[in-house]
Amino acid sequence: MPIEREPVTIGSNVYVGPQAIITKGTTIGNNVVIGAFSLINKDVPDNSIVMGQPGKVTGSVLIDDEGKINFKYSAK
């Protein structure tokens, strides 16, 4: 049985936490933070914070005009 392969695309300024898994064919946008031990099995939009198994968007990455980075977490 042959191994199925698909490319994974990772944008600019992406942090992938330790032991996170990104499955085949997934696209990760720019300015994304992926939490430790997360399972990313769907595309992740730009400026997102993703964590969990399966990975869910839990917040956003905000970059102001001066280049300052802030994180905004969604309330549950």
Protein backbone atom coordinates (compact mmCIF):
# COMPACT_ATOMS: atom_id res chain seq x y z
CA MET A 1 0.00 0.00 0.00
CA PRO A 2 1.61 3.31 -1.06
CA ILE A 3 1.99 6.18 1.38
CA GLU A 4 -0.38 9.06 0.64
CA ARG A 5 1.28 12.46 0.61
CA GLU A 6 0.06 16.02 0.23
CA PRO A 7 2.01 19.24 0.75
CA VAL A 8 1.65 21.31 3.90
CA THR A 9 1.88 25.09 3.43
CA ILE A 10 3.06 27.24 6.34
CA GLY A 11 2.92 31.04 6.08
CA SER A 12 5.26 33.69 7.49
CA ASN A 13 5.65 34.44 11.21
CA VAL A 14 4.16 31.14 12.41
CA TYR A 15 4.93 29.61 15.81
CA VAL A 16 4.29 25.86 16.10
CA GLY A 17 4.27 24.70 19.71
CA PRO A 18 6.17 21.58 20.80
CA GLN A 19 4.72 18.23 19.76
CA ALA A 20 1.98 19.83 17.65
CA ILE A 21 0.88 17.72 14.68
CA ILE A 22 -0.05 19.22 11.30
CA THR A 23 -1.75 16.74 8.97
CA LYS A 24 -1.16 16.39 5.24
CA GLY A 25 -2.69 18.92 2.85
CA THR A 26 -3.17 21.59 5.53
CA THR A 27 -2.47 25.30 4.95
CA ILE A 28 -1.39 27.51 7.85
CA GLY A 29 -1.82 31.26 7.28
CA ASN A 30 0.51 34.13 8.22
CA ASN A 31 0.97 35.37 11.82
CA VAL A 32 -0.39 32.20 13.43
CA VAL A 33 0.30 30.68 16.86
CA ILE A 34 -0.31 26.93 17.26
CA GLY A 35 -0.42 25.66 20.84
CA ALA A 36 1.62 22.76 22.18
CA PHE A 37 0.23 19.24 21.59
CA SER A 38 -2.38 20.57 19.11
CA LEU A 39 -3.67 18.48 16.21
CA ILE A 40 -4.16 20.69 13.15
CA ASN A 41 -6.28 18.85 10.59
CA LYS A 42 -7.97 21.81 8.84
CA ASP A 43 -6.70 25.02 7.24
CA VAL A 44 -5.87 27.85 9.67
CA PRO A 45 -6.68 31.47 8.66
CA ASP A 46 -4.21 34.36 8.97
CA ASN A 47 -3.75 36.04 12.38
CA SER A 48 -5.16 33.15 14.41
CA ILE A 49 -4.36 31.43 17.69
CA VAL A 50 -5.18 27.73 17.43
CA MET A 51 -5.05 25.01 20.06
CA GLY A 52 -6.61 21.71 21.02
CA GLN A 53 -7.26 18.30 19.53
CA PRO A 54 -8.63 18.90 16.97
CA GLY A 55 -7.29 22.43 16.64
CA LYS A 56 -9.80 25.24 17.05
CA VAL A 57 -9.33 28.98 16.68
CA THR A 58 -9.32 30.39 20.22
CA GLY A 59 -8.11 33.91 19.53
CA SER A 60 -6.38 36.27 17.16
CA VAL A 61 -2.98 37.87 16.65
CA LEU A 62 -3.18 41.65 16.29
CA ILE A 63 -0.33 43.66 14.77
CA ASP A 64 -0.58 47.45 14.94
CA ASP A 65 0.94 50.01 12.56
CA GLU A 66 4.12 50.18 14.66
CA GLY A 67 4.62 46.41 14.47
CA LYS A 68 3.58 45.74 18.08
CA ILE A 69 2.04 42.30 18.51
CA ASN A 70 -0.95 41.67 20.79
CA PHE A 71 -2.99 38.55 21.42
CA LYS A 72 -6.76 38.58 21.81
CA TYR A 73 -8.40 35.44 23.16
CA SER A 74 -12.02 34.58 22.50
CA ALA A 75 -14.31 34.13 25.53
CA LYS A 76 -15.90 30.73 25.92
